[in-house]
Amino acid sequence: MKNVTANLILLNLSMAIVMFSPLLPAPWQIVGCGIGIGLTIVFVRRYVQLIKAQQEGRDEDHHESAG
């Protein structure tokens, strides 16, 4: 559960980078937005993998208790 929470925090921070990048000077706006989008993609993928792994663990526990 700690990994999921930490990943959500990092995901929110990466989206905040995208949101606040227009406040930067002209050349850094594009760089900041690109970095924010890249990190958002990475953290969304990691979050989905963690949730899938967590769901598979619950499914296995459910099958063991039922059988």
PDB file of N, CA and C in Angstrom:
ATOM      1  N   MET A   1       0.823  -1.198   0.000  1.00  0.00           N
ATOM      2  CA  MET A   1       0.000   0.000   0.000  1.00  0.00           C
ATOM      3  C   MET A   1       0.861   1.253   0.000  1.00  0.00           C
ATOM      4  N   LYS A   2       2.021   1.211   0.657  1.00  0.00           N
ATOM      5  CA  LYS A   2       2.903   2.365   0.677  1.00  0.00           C
ATOM      6  C   LYS A   2       3.359   2.725  -0.733  1.00  0.00           C
ATOM      7  N   ASN A   3       3.647   1.713  -1.559  1.00  0.00           N
ATOM      8  CA  ASN A   3       4.095   1.980  -2.924  1.00  0.00           C
ATOM      9  C   ASN A   3       3.020   2.696  -3.726  1.00  0.00           C
ATOM     10  N   VAL A   4       1.778   2.301  -3.551  1.00  0.00           N
ATOM     11  CA  VAL A   4       0.676   2.928  -4.273  1.00  0.00           C
ATOM     12  C   VAL A   4       0.529   4.382  -3.833  1.00  0.00           C
ATOM     13  N   THR A   5       0.593   4.626  -2.545  1.00  0.00           N
ATOM     14  CA  THR A   5       0.453   5.991  -2.031  1.00  0.00           C
ATOM     15  C   THR A   5       1.598   6.872  -2.506  1.00  0.00           C
ATOM     16  N   ALA A   6       2.817   6.362  -2.414  1.00  0.00           N
ATOM     17  CA  ALA A   6       3.969   7.136  -2.872  1.00  0.00           C
ATOM     18  C   ALA A   6       3.865   7.431  -4.363  1.00  0.00           C
ATOM     19  N   ASN A   7       3.414   6.461  -5.128  1.00  0.00           N
ATOM     20  CA  ASN A   7       3.277   6.664  -6.568  1.00  0.00           C
ATOM     21  C   ASN A   7       2.210   7.711  -6.879  1.00  0.00           C
ATOM     22  N   LEU A   8       1.119   7.712  -6.132  1.00  0.00           N
ATOM     23  CA  LEU A   8       0.087   8.736  -6.343  1.00  0.00           C
ATOM     24  C   LEU A   8       0.609  10.135  -6.025  1.00  0.00           C
ATOM     25  N   ILE A   9       1.421  10.239  -4.987  1.00  0.00           N
ATOM     26  CA  ILE A   9       2.017  11.541  -4.653  1.00  0.00           C
ATOM     27  C   ILE A   9       2.920  12.007  -5.787  1.00  0.00           C
ATOM     28  N   LEU A  10       3.756  11.116  -6.304  1.00  0.00           N
ATOM     29  CA  LEU A  10       4.635  11.468  -7.412  1.00  0.00           C
ATOM     30  C   LEU A  10       3.836  11.809  -8.665  1.00  0.00           C
ATOM     31  N   LEU A  11       2.744  11.105  -8.887  1.00  0.00           N
ATOM     32  CA  LEU A  11       1.875  11.404 -10.024  1.00  0.00           C
ATOM     33  C   LEU A  11       1.288  12.797  -9.907  1.00  0.00           C
ATOM     34  N   ASN A  12       0.833  13.163  -8.723  1.00  0.00           N
ATOM     35  CA  ASN A  12       0.291  14.507  -8.516  1.00  0.00           C
ATOM     36  C   ASN A  12       1.360  15.580  -8.705  1.00  0.00           C
ATOM     37  N   LEU A  13       2.572  15.312  -8.251  1.00  0.00           N
ATOM     38  CA  LEU A  13       3.658  16.269  -8.440  1.00  0.00           C
ATOM     39  C   LEU A  13       4.008  16.441  -9.917  1.00  0.00           C
ATOM     40  N   SER A  14       3.999  15.342 -10.666  1.00  0.00           N
ATOM     41  CA  SER A  14       4.317  15.450 -12.093  1.00  0.00           C
ATOM     42  C   SER A  14       3.233  16.233 -12.833  1.00  0.00           C
ATOM     43  N   MET A  15       1.988  16.080 -12.422  1.00  0.00           N
ATOM     44  CA  MET A  15       0.918  16.877 -13.040  1.00  0.00           C
ATOM     45  C   MET A  15       1.022  18.342 -12.637  1.00  0.00           C
ATOM     46  N   ALA A  16       1.501  18.589 -11.428  1.00  0.00           N
ATOM     47  CA  ALA A  16       1.694  19.975 -10.989  1.00  0.00           C
ATOM     48  C   ALA A  16       2.785  20.649 -11.814  1.00  0.00           C
ATOM     49  N   ILE A  17       3.805  19.894 -12.205  1.00  0.00           N
ATOM     50  CA  ILE A  17       4.850  20.449 -13.072  1.00  0.00           C
ATOM     51  C   ILE A  17       4.242  20.916 -14.388  1.00  0.00           C
ATOM     52  N   VAL A  18       3.341  20.107 -14.954  1.00  0.00           N
ATOM     53  CA  VAL A  18       2.684  20.486 -16.206  1.00  0.00           C
ATOM     54  C   VAL A  18       1.829  21.734 -15.998  1.00  0.00           C
ATOM     55  N   MET A  19       1.117  21.789 -14.893  1.00  0.00           N
ATOM     56  CA  MET A  19       0.217  22.915 -14.645  1.00  0.00           C
ATOM     57  C   MET A  19       0.961  24.232 -14.436  1.00  0.00           C
ATOM     58  N   PHE A  20       2.109  24.172 -13.780  1.00  0.00           N
ATOM     59  CA  PHE A  20       2.821  25.402 -13.458  1.00  0.00           C
ATOM     60  C   PHE A  20       3.936  25.736 -14.439  1.00  0.00           C
ATOM     61  N   SER A  21       4.183  24.898 -15.438  1.00  0.00           N
ATOM     62  CA  SER A  21       5.226  25.199 -16.407  1.00  0.00           C
ATOM     63  C   SER A  21       4.949  26.473 -17.219  1.00  0.00           C
ATOM     64  N   PRO A  22       3.702  26.885 -17.462  1.00  0.00           N
ATOM     65  CA  PRO A  22       3.498  28.157 -18.179  1.00  0.00           C
ATOM     66  C   PRO A  22       4.005  29.377 -17.407  1.00  0.00           C
ATOM     67  N   LEU A  23       4.249  29.248 -16.126  1.00  0.00           N
ATOM     68  CA  LEU A  23       4.760  30.369 -15.344  1.00  0.00           C
ATOM     69  C   LEU A  23       6.258  30.576 -15.542  1.00  0.00           C
ATOM     70  N   LEU A  24       6.925  29.617 -16.161  1.00  0.00           N
ATOM     71  CA  LEU A  24       8.362  29.700 -16.385  1.00  0.00           C
ATOM     72  C   LEU A  24       8.664  30.589 -17.593  1.00  0.00           C
ATOM     73  N   PRO A  25       9.912  31.051 -17.727  1.00  0.00           N
ATOM     74  CA  PRO A  25      10.290  31.811 -18.928  1.00  0.00           C
ATOM     75  C   PRO A  25      10.143  30.959 -20.188  1.00  0.00           C
ATOM     76  N   ALA A  26      10.064  31.623 -21.324  1.00  0.00           N
ATOM     77  CA  ALA A  26       9.695  31.008 -22.607  1.00  0.00           C
ATOM     78  C   ALA A  26      10.370  29.677 -22.937  1.00  0.00           C
ATOM     79  N   PRO A  27      11.693  29.552 -22.986  1.00  0.00           N
ATOM     80  CA  PRO A  27      12.237  28.245 -23.407  1.00  0.00           C
ATOM     81  C   PRO A  27      11.990  27.146 -22.383  1.00  0.00           C
ATOM     82  N   TRP A  28      11.866  27.510 -21.115  1.00  0.00           N
ATOM     83  CA  TRP A  28      11.678  26.508 -20.074  1.00  0.00           C
ATOM     84  C   TRP A  28      10.234  26.023 -19.974  1.00  0.00           C
ATOM     85  N   GLN A  29       9.303  26.738 -20.579  1.00  0.00           N
ATOM     86  CA  GLN A  29       7.908  26.285 -20.585  1.00  0.00           C
ATOM     87  C   GLN A  29       7.789  24.954 -21.301  1.00  0.00           C
ATOM     88  N   ILE A  30       8.424  24.876 -22.463  1.00  0.00           N
ATOM     89  CA  ILE A  30       8.351  23.642 -23.260  1.00  0.00           C
ATOM     90  C   ILE A  30       9.074  22.509 -22.543  1.00  0.00           C
ATOM     91  N   VAL A  31      10.245  22.808 -22.002  1.00  0.00           N
ATOM     92  CA  VAL A  31      11.023  21.787 -21.290  1.00  0.00           C
ATOM     93  C   VAL A  31      10.256  21.287 -20.069  1.00  0.00           C
ATOM     94  N   GLY A  32       9.711  22.210 -19.281  1.00  0.00           N
ATOM     95  CA  GLY A  32       8.958  21.829 -18.095  1.00  0.00           C
ATOM     96  C   GLY A  32       7.731  21.010 -18.422  1.00  0.00           C
ATOM     97  N   CYS A  33       7.036  21.407 -19.466  1.00  0.00           N
ATOM     98  CA  CYS A  33       5.838  20.660 -19.870  1.00  0.00           C
ATOM     99  C   CYS A  33       6.218  19.266 -20.357  1.00  0.00           C
ATOM    100  N   GLY A  34       7.278  19.176 -21.130  1.00  0.00           N
ATOM    101  CA  GLY A  34       7.734  17.872 -21.621  1.00  0.00           C
ATOM    102  C   GLY A  34       8.141  16.945 -20.494  1.00  0.00           C
ATOM    103  N   ILE A  35       8.877  17.484 -19.533  1.00  0.00           N
ATOM    104  CA  ILE A  35       9.285  16.680 -18.374  1.00  0.00           C
ATOM    105  C   ILE A  35       8.061  16.239 -17.582  1.00  0.00           C
ATOM    106  N   GLY A  36       7.127  17.164 -17.372  1.00  0.00           N
ATOM    107  CA  GLY A  36       5.914  16.828 -16.625  1.00  0.00           C
ATOM    108  C   GLY A  36       5.086  15.758 -17.306  1.00  0.00           C
ATOM    109  N   ILE A  37       4.940  15.866 -18.614  1.00  0.00           N
ATOM    110  CA  ILE A  37       4.165  14.864 -19.363  1.00  0.00           C
ATOM    111  C   ILE A  37       4.871  13.512 -19.323  1.00  0.00           C
ATOM    112  N   GLY A  38       6.181  13.513 -19.512  1.00  0.00           N
ATOM    113  CA  GLY A  38       6.939  12.256 -19.460  1.00  0.00           C
ATOM    114  C   GLY A  38       6.817  11.568 -18.114  1.00  0.00           C
ATOM    115  N   LEU A  39       6.970  12.345 -17.042  1.00  0.00           N
ATOM    116  CA  LEU A  39       6.840  11.767 -15.703  1.00  0.00           C
ATOM    117  C   LEU A  39       5.421  11.288 -15.421  1.00  0.00           C
ATOM    118  N   THR A  40       4.436  12.035 -15.915  1.00  0.00           N
ATOM    119  CA  THR A  40       3.046  11.612 -15.720  1.00  0.00           C
ATOM    120  C   THR A  40       2.795  10.268 -16.388  1.00  0.00           C
ATOM    121  N   ILE A  41       3.304  10.094 -17.597  1.00  0.00           N
ATOM    122  CA  ILE A  41       3.137   8.813 -18.300  1.00  0.00           C
ATOM    123  C   ILE A  41       3.790   7.678 -17.516  1.00  0.00           C
ATOM    124  N   VAL A  42       5.007   7.917 -17.037  1.00  0.00           N
ATOM    125  CA  VAL A  42       5.728   6.883 -16.285  1.00  0.00           C
ATOM    126  C   VAL A  42       4.970   6.506 -15.016  1.00  0.00           C
ATOM    127  N   PHE A  43       4.507   7.509 -14.273  1.00  0.00           N
ATOM    128  CA  PHE A  43       3.848   7.227 -12.997  1.00  0.00           C
ATOM    129  C   PHE A  43       2.455   6.634 -13.178  1.00  0.00           C
ATOM    130  N   VAL A  44       1.753   6.993 -14.251  1.00  0.00           N
ATOM    131  CA  VAL A  44       0.451   6.366 -14.520  1.00  0.00           C
ATOM    132  C   VAL A  44       0.654   4.884 -14.826  1.00  0.00           C
ATOM    133  N   ARG A  45       1.643   4.574 -15.649  1.00  0.00           N
ATOM    134  CA  ARG A  45       1.917   3.168 -15.961  1.00  0.00           C
ATOM    135  C   ARG A  45       2.284   2.384 -14.708  1.00  0.00           C
ATOM    136  N   ARG A  46       3.141   2.974 -13.863  1.00  0.00           N
ATOM    137  CA  ARG A  46       3.551   2.294 -12.635  1.00  0.00           C
ATOM    138  C   ARG A  46       2.359   2.100 -11.702  1.00  0.00           C
ATOM    139  N   TYR A  47       1.501   3.114 -11.611  1.00  0.00           N
ATOM    140  CA  TYR A  47       0.326   3.016 -10.752  1.00  0.00           C
ATOM    141  C   TYR A  47      -0.598   1.890 -11.224  1.00  0.00           C
ATOM    142  N   VAL A  48      -0.819   1.803 -12.528  1.00  0.00           N
ATOM    143  CA  VAL A  48      -1.679   0.746 -13.075  1.00  0.00           C
ATOM    144  C   VAL A  48      -1.079  -0.626 -12.789  1.00  0.00           C
ATOM    145  N   GLN A  49       0.232  -0.763 -12.929  1.00  0.00           N
ATOM    146  CA  GLN A  49       0.881  -2.041 -12.632  1.00  0.00           C
ATOM    147  C   GLN A  49       0.732  -2.408 -11.155  1.00  0.00           C
ATOM    148  N   LEU A  50       0.903  -1.429 -10.273  1.00  0.00           N
ATOM    149  CA  LEU A  50       0.764  -1.708  -8.842  1.00  0.00           C
ATOM    150  C   LEU A  50      -0.657  -2.118  -8.489  1.00  0.00           C
ATOM    151  N   ILE A  51      -1.641  -1.453  -9.068  1.00  0.00           N
ATOM    152  CA  ILE A  51      -3.038  -1.795  -8.785  1.00  0.00           C
ATOM    153  C   ILE A  51      -3.364  -3.185  -9.319  1.00  0.00           C
ATOM    154  N   LYS A  52      -2.874  -3.506 -10.526  1.00  0.00           N
ATOM    155  CA  LYS A  52      -3.114  -4.845 -11.078  1.00  0.00           C
ATOM    156  C   LYS A  52      -2.491  -5.916 -10.190  1.00  0.00           C
ATOM    157  N   ALA A  53      -1.275  -5.674  -9.724  1.00  0.00           N
ATOM    158  CA  ALA A  53      -0.612  -6.642  -8.852  1.00  0.00           C
ATOM    159  C   ALA A  53      -1.365  -6.785  -7.537  1.00  0.00           C
ATOM    160  N   GLN A  54      -1.872  -5.686  -7.025  1.00  0.00           N
ATOM    161  CA  GLN A  54      -2.636  -5.723  -5.779  1.00  0.00           C
ATOM    162  C   GLN A  54      -3.947  -6.491  -5.985  1.00  0.00           C
ATOM    163  N   GLN A  55      -4.601  -6.281  -7.108  1.00  0.00           N
ATOM    164  CA  GLN A  55      -5.842  -6.991  -7.396  1.00  0.00           C
ATOM    165  C   GLN A  55      -5.587  -8.483  -7.580  1.00  0.00           C
ATOM    166  N   GLU A  56      -4.495  -8.848  -8.244  1.00  0.00           N
ATOM    167  CA  GLU A  56      -4.171 -10.267  -8.422  1.00  0.00           C
ATOM    168  C   GLU A  56      -3.917 -10.929  -7.076  1.00  0.00           C
ATOM    169  N   GLY A  57      -3.265 -10.229  -6.174  1.00  0.00           N
ATOM    170  CA  GLY A  57      -3.026 -10.769  -4.831  1.00  0.00           C
ATOM    171  C   GLY A  57      -4.324 -10.999  -4.094  1.00  0.00           C
ATOM    172  N   ARG A  58      -5.262 -10.084  -4.230  1.00  0.00           N
ATOM    173  CA  ARG A  58      -6.565 -10.249  -3.579  1.00  0.00           C
ATOM    174  C   ARG A  58      -7.343 -11.404  -4.196  1.00  0.00           C
ATOM    175  N   ASP A  59      -7.263 -11.532  -5.521  1.00  0.00           N
ATOM    176  CA  ASP A  59      -7.965 -12.634  -6.186  1.00  0.00           C
ATOM    177  C   ASP A  59      -7.421 -13.986  -5.725  1.00  0.00           C
ATOM    178  N   GLU A  60      -6.085 -14.096  -5.577  1.00  0.00           N
ATOM    179  CA  GLU A  60      -5.486 -15.345  -5.126  1.00  0.00           C
ATOM    180  C   GLU A  60      -5.911 -15.659  -3.687  1.00  0.00           C
ATOM    181  N   ASP A  61      -5.952 -14.628  -2.837  1.00  0.00           N
ATOM    182  CA  ASP A  61      -6.391 -14.832  -1.456  1.00  0.00           C
ATOM    183  C   ASP A  61      -7.854 -15.284  -1.412  1.00  0.00           C
ATOM    184  N   HIS A  62      -8.657 -14.708  -2.270  1.00  0.00           N
ATOM    185  CA  HIS A  62     -10.081 -15.053  -2.302  1.00  0.00           C
ATOM    186  C   HIS A  62     -10.270 -16.496  -2.765  1.00  0.00           C
ATOM    187  N   HIS A  63      -9.491 -16.920  -3.773  1.00  0.00           N
ATOM    188  CA  HIS A  63      -9.617 -18.289  -4.276  1.00  0.00           C
ATOM    189  C   HIS A  63      -9.132 -19.300  -3.231  1.00  0.00           C
ATOM    190  N   GLU A  64      -8.092 -18.952  -2.492  1.00  0.00           N
ATOM    191  CA  GLU A  64      -7.585 -19.870  -1.467  1.00  0.00           C
ATOM    192  C   GLU A  64      -8.581 -20.044  -0.334  1.00  0.00           C
ATOM    193  N   SER A  65      -9.242 -18.962   0.071  1.00  0.00           N
ATOM    194  CA  SER A  65     -10.193 -19.068   1.185  1.00  0.00           C
ATOM    195  C   SER A  65     -11.482 -19.763   0.747  1.00  0.00           C
ATOM    196  N   ALA A  66     -11.811 -19.655  -0.532  1.00  0.00           N
ATOM    197  CA  ALA A  66     -13.028 -20.317  -1.028  1.00  0.00           C
ATOM    198  C   ALA A  66     -12.811 -21.801  -1.272  1.00  0.00           C
ATOM    199  N   GLY A  67     -11.570 -22.182  -1.569  1.00  0.00           N
ATOM    200  CA  GLY A  67     -11.309 -23.581  -1.939  1.00  0.00           C
ATOM    201  C   GLY A  67     -10.819 -24.382  -0.841  1.00  0.00           C
TER     202      GLY A  67
END
